[in-house]
Amino acid sequence: METATISCVAVSIRHVTDSSAEPAVRGFLHVPDEKNGDGLALTHGAGANCQSKLLTGLADAFAEAGFSVLRCDLPFRQRRPQGPPLPGSAAADREGLRRAVQVLKQTTPGRIYLGGHSYGGRQASMLAAEDSQLVAGLLLLSYPLHPPRKPLQLRTGHFPNLATPALFVHGSRDPFGSIEELSTARKLIPARNTLLEISGSGHELLPRHASDVPSQIVHAFCGFFS
């Protein structure tokens, strides 16, 4: 079997009409030679950046399947190379995701999807709840349902307003929410959604014995959104 040819280029883009000091769209664009016409904007969690092992592997796997993939740094990470988001930065991070989607739409004629790991996925889902027409679907990796050992502090307030189809990918050992807790929370979402469980995985979704996790996710994604 031949391996798909993929170009990966660094990108840093500002809207030419934007005179503010807001961060650029910054990251890496994966462009396959044989495109399927669709695109995915993909971002990271609170403790990582767009060069994490999970995002890099996923971007390559989606590009091999024909998707144009923009894996990007959230605005908080552009401002600070390390450390979690500061309080009050979430709105700016969602705006950064909106801009990433807009940039991808300029070069991608088909459907645009938005995905993120942990904090990035939460912000992606909140953005979609605010604007149901922004993207065709969501890829929510290790959704942080609640802080570890604090199951009553649920982060599901926007779920009843989520009209965008979503694929959740969750590890069976994730301390931010069990499979059972997430299955219950998903019932709050009016949009079509499903769950891919990664057995034996924690919050990072990459157990040592399962190097095929990115391909599992791409397969589930294409099946759900076909």
C-alpha atoms as a PDB file:
ATOM      1  CA  MET A   1       0.000   0.000   0.000  1.00  0.00           C
ATOM      2  CA  GLU A   2       1.334   3.426  -0.916  1.00  0.00           C
ATOM      3  CA  THR A   3       1.693   6.065   1.800  1.00  0.00           C
ATOM      4  CA  ALA A   4      -0.039   9.370   1.190  1.00  0.00           C
ATOM      5  CA  THR A   5       2.238  12.353   0.609  1.00  0.00           C
ATOM      6  CA  ILE A   6       1.701  15.128   3.139  1.00  0.00           C
ATOM      7  CA  SER A   7       3.126  18.640   3.264  1.00  0.00           C
ATOM      8  CA  CYS A   8       3.435  20.213   6.724  1.00  0.00           C
ATOM      9  CA  VAL A   9       4.198  23.915   6.917  1.00  0.00           C
ATOM     10  CA  ALA A  10       4.371  26.362   9.811  1.00  0.00           C
ATOM     11  CA  VAL A  11       1.785  29.126   9.650  1.00  0.00           C
ATOM     12  CA  SER A  12       1.426  32.454  11.430  1.00  0.00           C
ATOM     13  CA  ILE A  13      -1.422  34.573  10.125  1.00  0.00           C
ATOM     14  CA  ARG A  14      -3.053  37.826  11.175  1.00  0.00           C
ATOM     15  CA  HIS A  15      -6.256  39.150   9.700  1.00  0.00           C
ATOM     16  CA  VAL A  16      -5.207  42.129   7.597  1.00  0.00           C
ATOM     17  CA  THR A  17      -8.209  44.106   8.853  1.00  0.00           C
ATOM     18  CA  ASP A  18      -7.271  43.492  12.471  1.00  0.00           C
ATOM     19  CA  SER A  19      -5.246  46.282  14.039  1.00  0.00           C
ATOM     20  CA  SER A  20      -5.535  44.917  17.580  1.00  0.00           C
ATOM     21  CA  ALA A  21      -2.811  43.181  19.543  1.00  0.00           C
ATOM     22  CA  GLU A  22      -4.654  39.854  19.469  1.00  0.00           C
ATOM     23  CA  PRO A  23      -2.437  36.828  18.689  1.00  0.00           C
ATOM     24  CA  ALA A  24      -2.109  35.491  15.172  1.00  0.00           C
ATOM     25  CA  VAL A  25      -3.361  32.099  14.087  1.00  0.00           C
ATOM     26  CA  ARG A  26      -0.177  30.137  14.733  1.00  0.00           C
ATOM     27  CA  GLY A  27       0.571  26.495  14.170  1.00  0.00           C
ATOM     28  CA  PHE A  28       1.170  23.915  11.454  1.00  0.00           C
ATOM     29  CA  LEU A  29      -0.864  23.151   8.357  1.00  0.00           C
ATOM     30  CA  HIS A  30      -0.897  19.562   7.074  1.00  0.00           C
ATOM     31  CA  VAL A  31      -1.922  19.390   3.414  1.00  0.00           C
ATOM     32  CA  PRO A  32      -2.250  15.995   1.687  1.00  0.00           C
ATOM     33  CA  ASP A  33      -1.585  15.625  -2.018  1.00  0.00           C
ATOM     34  CA  GLU A  34      -4.897  13.785  -2.380  1.00  0.00           C
ATOM     35  CA  LYS A  35      -7.435  15.969  -0.586  1.00  0.00           C
ATOM     36  CA  ASN A  36     -10.972  14.901   0.270  1.00  0.00           C
ATOM     37  CA  GLY A  37     -12.027  18.567   0.409  1.00  0.00           C
ATOM     38  CA  ASP A  38     -12.637  18.694   4.172  1.00  0.00           C
ATOM     39  CA  GLY A  39     -10.612  20.344   6.920  1.00  0.00           C
ATOM     40  CA  LEU A  40      -9.991  20.037  10.644  1.00  0.00           C
ATOM     41  CA  ALA A  41      -8.761  22.729  13.024  1.00  0.00           C
ATOM     42  CA  LEU A  42      -7.162  21.005  15.996  1.00  0.00           C
ATOM     43  CA  THR A  43      -5.861  22.428  19.269  1.00  0.00           C
ATOM     44  CA  HIS A  44      -4.261  21.409  22.543  1.00  0.00           C
ATOM     45  CA  GLY A  45      -4.976  21.224  26.257  1.00  0.00           C
ATOM     46  CA  ALA A  46      -4.065  23.517  29.145  1.00  0.00           C
ATOM     47  CA  GLY A  47      -0.637  22.014  29.759  1.00  0.00           C
ATOM     48  CA  ALA A  48       0.548  21.507  26.190  1.00  0.00           C
ATOM     49  CA  ASN A  49       0.907  23.177  22.816  1.00  0.00           C
ATOM     50  CA  CYS A  50       0.127  22.234  19.234  1.00  0.00           C
ATOM     51  CA  GLN A  51       3.321  20.193  18.978  1.00  0.00           C
ATOM     52  CA  SER A  52       2.149  17.593  21.477  1.00  0.00           C
ATOM     53  CA  LYS A  53       2.569  13.945  20.511  1.00  0.00           C
ATOM     54  CA  LEU A  54      -1.204  13.434  20.416  1.00  0.00           C
ATOM     55  CA  LEU A  55      -1.941  16.361  18.109  1.00  0.00           C
ATOM     56  CA  THR A  56       0.990  15.647  15.798  1.00  0.00           C
ATOM     57  CA  GLY A  57      -0.012  12.007  15.422  1.00  0.00           C
ATOM     58  CA  LEU A  58      -3.648  12.879  14.874  1.00  0.00           C
ATOM     59  CA  ALA A  59      -2.870  15.569  12.314  1.00  0.00           C
ATOM     60  CA  ASP A  60      -0.742  13.135  10.317  1.00  0.00           C
ATOM     61  CA  ALA A  61      -3.430  10.432  10.502  1.00  0.00           C
ATOM     62  CA  PHE A  62      -6.208  12.785   9.376  1.00  0.00           C
ATOM     63  CA  ALA A  63      -4.032  14.145   6.571  1.00  0.00           C
ATOM     64  CA  GLU A  64      -3.342  10.605   5.379  1.00  0.00           C
ATOM     65  CA  ALA A  65      -7.121  10.223   5.152  1.00  0.00           C
ATOM     66  CA  GLY A  66      -7.329  13.308   2.925  1.00  0.00           C
ATOM     67  CA  PHE A  67      -8.138  16.072   5.420  1.00  0.00           C
ATOM     68  CA  SER A  68      -6.360  19.426   5.485  1.00  0.00           C
ATOM     69  CA  VAL A  69      -5.424  19.857   9.155  1.00  0.00           C
ATOM     70  CA  LEU A  70      -4.490  23.054  10.971  1.00  0.00           C
ATOM     71  CA  ARG A  71      -3.102  22.244  14.420  1.00  0.00           C
ATOM     72  CA  CYS A  72      -2.815  25.522  16.224  1.00  0.00           C
ATOM     73  CA  ASP A  73      -1.708  27.146  19.462  1.00  0.00           C
ATOM     74  CA  LEU A  74      -4.421  28.810  21.512  1.00  0.00           C
ATOM     75  CA  PRO A  75      -3.901  32.517  22.292  1.00  0.00           C
ATOM     76  CA  PHE A  76      -2.956  31.798  25.910  1.00  0.00           C
ATOM     77  CA  ARG A  77      -0.095  29.581  24.717  1.00  0.00           C
ATOM     78  CA  GLN A  78       1.068  32.195  22.239  1.00  0.00           C
ATOM     79  CA  ARG A  79       1.400  34.616  25.134  1.00  0.00           C
ATOM     80  CA  ARG A  80       3.027  32.162  27.559  1.00  0.00           C
ATOM     81  CA  PRO A  81       5.250  29.259  26.492  1.00  0.00           C
ATOM     82  CA  GLN A  82       4.452  27.320  29.659  1.00  0.00           C
ATOM     83  CA  GLY A  83       1.779  27.130  32.333  1.00  0.00           C
ATOM     84  CA  PRO A  84      -2.018  26.848  32.263  1.00  0.00           C
ATOM     85  CA  PRO A  85      -4.415  29.500  30.943  1.00  0.00           C
ATOM     86  CA  LEU A  86      -4.825  32.515  33.178  1.00  0.00           C
ATOM     87  CA  PRO A  87      -8.276  33.231  34.638  1.00  0.00           C
ATOM     88  CA  GLY A  88     -10.347  35.212  32.172  1.00  0.00           C
ATOM     89  CA  SER A  89      -8.499  34.028  29.049  1.00  0.00           C
ATOM     90  CA  ALA A  90     -11.159  31.586  27.831  1.00  0.00           C
ATOM     91  CA  ALA A  91     -13.060  34.100  25.672  1.00  0.00           C
ATOM     92  CA  ALA A  92      -9.858  35.068  23.848  1.00  0.00           C
ATOM     93  CA  ASP A  93      -9.010  31.407  23.342  1.00  0.00           C
ATOM     94  CA  ARG A  94     -12.415  30.789  21.772  1.00  0.00           C
ATOM     95  CA  GLU A  95     -11.877  33.766  19.487  1.00  0.00           C
ATOM     96  CA  GLY A  96      -8.541  32.254  18.489  1.00  0.00           C
ATOM     97  CA  LEU A  97     -10.325  29.047  17.525  1.00  0.00           C
ATOM     98  CA  ARG A  98     -12.875  31.014  15.517  1.00  0.00           C
ATOM     99  CA  ARG A  99     -10.049  32.673  13.591  1.00  0.00           C
ATOM    100  CA  ALA A 100      -8.379  29.317  12.958  1.00  0.00           C
ATOM    101  CA  VAL A 101     -11.615  28.005  11.469  1.00  0.00           C
ATOM    102  CA  GLN A 102     -11.902  31.105   9.286  1.00  0.00           C
ATOM    103  CA  VAL A 103      -8.343  30.672   8.022  1.00  0.00           C
ATOM    104  CA  LEU A 104      -8.977  27.022   7.157  1.00  0.00           C
ATOM    105  CA  LYS A 105     -12.178  27.925   5.328  1.00  0.00           C
ATOM    106  CA  GLN A 106     -10.201  30.177   2.987  1.00  0.00           C
ATOM    107  CA  THR A 107      -8.367  27.212   1.475  1.00  0.00           C
ATOM    108  CA  THR A 108     -10.748  24.310   2.119  1.00  0.00           C
ATOM    109  CA  PRO A 109     -13.891  24.002  -0.027  1.00  0.00           C
ATOM    110  CA  GLY A 110     -15.640  21.248   1.923  1.00  0.00           C
ATOM    111  CA  ARG A 111     -16.776  20.748   5.488  1.00  0.00           C
ATOM    112  CA  ILE A 112     -14.765  22.222   8.340  1.00  0.00           C
ATOM    113  CA  TYR A 113     -14.489  20.467  11.689  1.00  0.00           C
ATOM    114  CA  LEU A 114     -13.121  21.690  15.000  1.00  0.00           C
ATOM    115  CA  GLY A 115     -11.357  19.569  17.569  1.00  0.00           C
ATOM    116  CA  GLY A 116      -9.388  19.913  20.749  1.00  0.00           C
ATOM    117  CA  HIS A 117      -7.830  18.016  23.604  1.00  0.00           C
ATOM    118  CA  SER A 118      -9.107  18.633  27.158  1.00  0.00           C
ATOM    119  CA  TYR A 119      -9.274  22.426  27.695  1.00  0.00           C
ATOM    120  CA  GLY A 120      -9.039  22.986  23.949  1.00  0.00           C
ATOM    121  CA  GLY A 121     -11.971  20.658  23.353  1.00  0.00           C
ATOM    122  CA  ARG A 122     -14.018  22.354  26.033  1.00  0.00           C
ATOM    123  CA  GLN A 123     -13.448  25.755  24.426  1.00  0.00           C
ATOM    124  CA  ALA A 124     -14.266  24.298  21.011  1.00  0.00           C
ATOM    125  CA  SER A 125     -17.569  22.935  22.311  1.00  0.00           C
ATOM    126  CA  MET A 126     -18.437  26.227  24.008  1.00  0.00           C
ATOM    127  CA  LEU A 127     -17.700  28.108  20.786  1.00  0.00           C
ATOM    128  CA  ALA A 128     -19.938  25.733  18.834  1.00  0.00           C
ATOM    129  CA  ALA A 129     -22.695  26.178  21.426  1.00  0.00           C
ATOM    130  CA  GLU A 130     -22.455  29.940  20.807  1.00  0.00           C
ATOM    131  CA  ASP A 131     -22.427  29.565  17.009  1.00  0.00           C
ATOM    132  CA  SER A 132     -24.046  26.392  15.672  1.00  0.00           C
ATOM    133  CA  GLN A 133     -23.181  27.320  12.059  1.00  0.00           C
ATOM    134  CA  LEU A 134     -19.438  27.669  12.587  1.00  0.00           C
ATOM    135  CA  VAL A 135     -18.382  24.068  11.904  1.00  0.00           C
ATOM    136  CA  ALA A 136     -19.894  20.820  10.666  1.00  0.00           C
ATOM    137  CA  GLY A 137     -18.804  18.795  13.669  1.00  0.00           C
ATOM    138  CA  LEU A 138     -16.638  18.513  16.769  1.00  0.00           C
ATOM    139  CA  LEU A 139     -13.856  16.152  17.834  1.00  0.00           C
ATOM    140  CA  LEU A 140     -13.645  16.300  21.644  1.00  0.00           C
ATOM    141  CA  LEU A 141     -10.588  14.507  22.992  1.00  0.00           C
ATOM    142  CA  SER A 142     -10.534  13.754  26.746  1.00  0.00           C
ATOM    143  CA  TYR A 143     -13.296  16.233  27.503  1.00  0.00           C
ATOM    144  CA  PRO A 144     -12.568  17.571  31.045  1.00  0.00           C
ATOM    145  CA  LEU A 145     -15.970  16.793  32.505  1.00  0.00           C
ATOM    146  CA  HIS A 146     -14.888  17.852  35.994  1.00  0.00           C
ATOM    147  CA  PRO A 147     -11.605  18.421  37.879  1.00  0.00           C
ATOM    148  CA  PRO A 148     -10.030  15.222  39.239  1.00  0.00           C
ATOM    149  CA  ARG A 149     -11.734  14.036  42.442  1.00  0.00           C
ATOM    150  CA  LYS A 150     -14.351  16.811  42.166  1.00  0.00           C
ATOM    151  CA  PRO A 151     -17.259  15.107  40.358  1.00  0.00           C
ATOM    152  CA  LEU A 152     -19.801  17.749  41.405  1.00  0.00           C
ATOM    153  CA  GLN A 153     -17.976  20.549  39.566  1.00  0.00           C
ATOM    154  CA  LEU A 154     -19.378  19.641  36.170  1.00  0.00           C
ATOM    155  CA  ARG A 155     -18.444  21.580  33.043  1.00  0.00           C
ATOM    156  CA  THR A 156     -21.633  20.854  31.144  1.00  0.00           C
ATOM    157  CA  GLY A 157     -23.585  24.109  31.427  1.00  0.00           C
ATOM    158  CA  HIS A 158     -23.436  24.681  27.665  1.00  0.00           C
ATOM    159  CA  PHE A 159     -24.291  21.111  26.659  1.00  0.00           C
ATOM    160  CA  PRO A 160     -28.073  21.766  26.261  1.00  0.00           C
ATOM    161  CA  ASN A 161     -27.195  24.486  23.710  1.00  0.00           C
ATOM    162  CA  LEU A 162     -24.870  22.308  21.651  1.00  0.00           C
ATOM    163  CA  ALA A 163     -26.485  21.764  18.240  1.00  0.00           C
ATOM    164  CA  THR A 164     -23.286  20.628  16.491  1.00  0.00           C
ATOM    165  CA  PRO A 165     -22.663  16.866  16.102  1.00  0.00           C
ATOM    166  CA  ALA A 166     -19.786  15.664  18.255  1.00  0.00           C
ATOM    167  CA  LEU A 167     -17.484  12.681  18.563  1.00  0.00           C
ATOM    168  CA  PHE A 168     -16.111  12.251  22.084  1.00  0.00           C
ATOM    169  CA  VAL A 169     -12.885  10.262  22.503  1.00  0.00           C
ATOM    170  CA  HIS A 170     -12.209   9.289  26.113  1.00  0.00           C
ATOM    171  CA  GLY A 171      -9.827   7.054  28.014  1.00  0.00           C
ATOM    172  CA  SER A 172     -11.219   4.446  30.378  1.00  0.00           C
ATOM    173  CA  ARG A 173      -8.869   5.690  33.133  1.00  0.00           C
ATOM    174  CA  ASP A 174      -9.354   9.431  32.702  1.00  0.00           C
ATOM    175  CA  PRO A 175      -9.520  11.165  36.127  1.00  0.00           C
ATOM    176  CA  PHE A 176     -11.385  14.121  34.597  1.00  0.00           C
ATOM    177  CA  GLY A 177     -14.463  11.952  34.130  1.00  0.00           C
ATOM    178  CA  SER A 178     -15.344   8.295  33.873  1.00  0.00           C
ATOM    179  CA  ILE A 179     -16.894   6.688  30.825  1.00  0.00           C
ATOM    180  CA  GLU A 180     -20.131   6.311  32.791  1.00  0.00           C
ATOM    181  CA  GLU A 181     -20.138   9.980  33.840  1.00  0.00           C
ATOM    182  CA  LEU A 182     -19.491  11.138  30.299  1.00  0.00           C
ATOM    183  CA  SER A 183     -22.212   8.864  28.913  1.00  0.00           C
ATOM    184  CA  THR A 184     -24.686  10.456  31.321  1.00  0.00           C
ATOM    185  CA  ALA A 185     -23.536  13.991  30.473  1.00  0.00           C
ATOM    186  CA  ARG A 186     -23.871  13.366  26.737  1.00  0.00           C
ATOM    187  CA  LYS A 187     -27.618  12.930  27.190  1.00  0.00           C
ATOM    188  CA  LEU A 188     -27.797  16.688  27.828  1.00  0.00           C
ATOM    189  CA  ILE A 189     -26.678  17.392  24.251  1.00  0.00           C
ATOM    190  CA  PRO A 190     -29.520  17.727  21.711  1.00  0.00           C
ATOM    191  CA  ALA A 191     -27.176  17.191  18.751  1.00  0.00           C
ATOM    192  CA  ARG A 192     -26.174  13.781  17.483  1.00  0.00           C
ATOM    193  CA  ASN A 193     -23.120  12.543  19.382  1.00  0.00           C
ATOM    194  CA  THR A 194     -21.194   9.375  20.115  1.00  0.00           C
ATOM    195  CA  LEU A 195     -18.297   8.120  22.224  1.00  0.00           C
ATOM    196  CA  LEU A 196     -15.109   6.259  21.311  1.00  0.00           C
ATOM    197  CA  GLU A 197     -13.583   4.662  24.406  1.00  0.00           C
ATOM    198  CA  ILE A 198      -9.823   4.106  24.449  1.00  0.00           C
ATOM    199  CA  SER A 199      -9.370   1.173  26.799  1.00  0.00           C
ATOM    200  CA  GLY A 200      -6.604   1.518  29.381  1.00  0.00           C
ATOM    201  CA  SER A 201      -5.885   5.143  28.473  1.00  0.00           C
ATOM    202  CA  GLY A 202      -5.752   8.112  30.810  1.00  0.00           C
ATOM    203  CA  HIS A 203      -6.196  11.781  30.024  1.00  0.00           C
ATOM    204  CA  GLU A 204      -3.402  11.876  27.433  1.00  0.00           C
ATOM    205  CA  LEU A 205      -5.095   9.175  25.306  1.00  0.00           C
ATOM    206  CA  LEU A 206      -1.829   7.523  24.253  1.00  0.00           C
ATOM    207  CA  PRO A 207      -1.229   4.316  26.233  1.00  0.00           C
ATOM    208  CA  ARG A 208       2.097   2.686  25.465  1.00  0.00           C
ATOM    209  CA  HIS A 209       0.513  -0.524  24.221  1.00  0.00           C
ATOM    210  CA  ALA A 210      -1.818   1.206  21.738  1.00  0.00           C
ATOM    211  CA  SER A 211       0.198   3.097  19.144  1.00  0.00           C
ATOM    212  CA  ASP A 212      -2.744   2.949  16.734  1.00  0.00           C
ATOM    213  CA  VAL A 213      -4.908   5.400  18.705  1.00  0.00           C
ATOM    214  CA  PRO A 214      -4.749   8.131  16.013  1.00  0.00           C
ATOM    215  CA  SER A 215      -5.911   5.691  13.338  1.00  0.00           C
ATOM    216  CA  GLN A 216      -8.711   4.465  15.632  1.00  0.00           C
ATOM    217  CA  ILE A 217      -9.885   8.028  16.068  1.00  0.00           C
ATOM    218  CA  VAL A 218      -9.789   8.799  12.335  1.00  0.00           C
ATOM    219  CA  HIS A 219     -11.730   5.624  11.576  1.00  0.00           C
ATOM    220  CA  ALA A 220     -14.407   6.447  14.163  1.00  0.00           C
ATOM    221  CA  PHE A 221     -14.553  10.070  12.981  1.00  0.00           C
ATOM    222  CA  CYS A 222     -15.033   9.180   9.311  1.00  0.00           C
ATOM    223  CA  GLY A 223     -17.684   6.617  10.220  1.00  0.00           C
ATOM    224  CA  PHE A 224     -19.618   9.027  12.404  1.00  0.00           C
ATOM    225  CA  PHE A 225     -19.498  11.996  10.035  1.00  0.00           C
ATOM    226  CA  SER A 226     -19.879  10.114   6.742  1.00  0.00           C
END
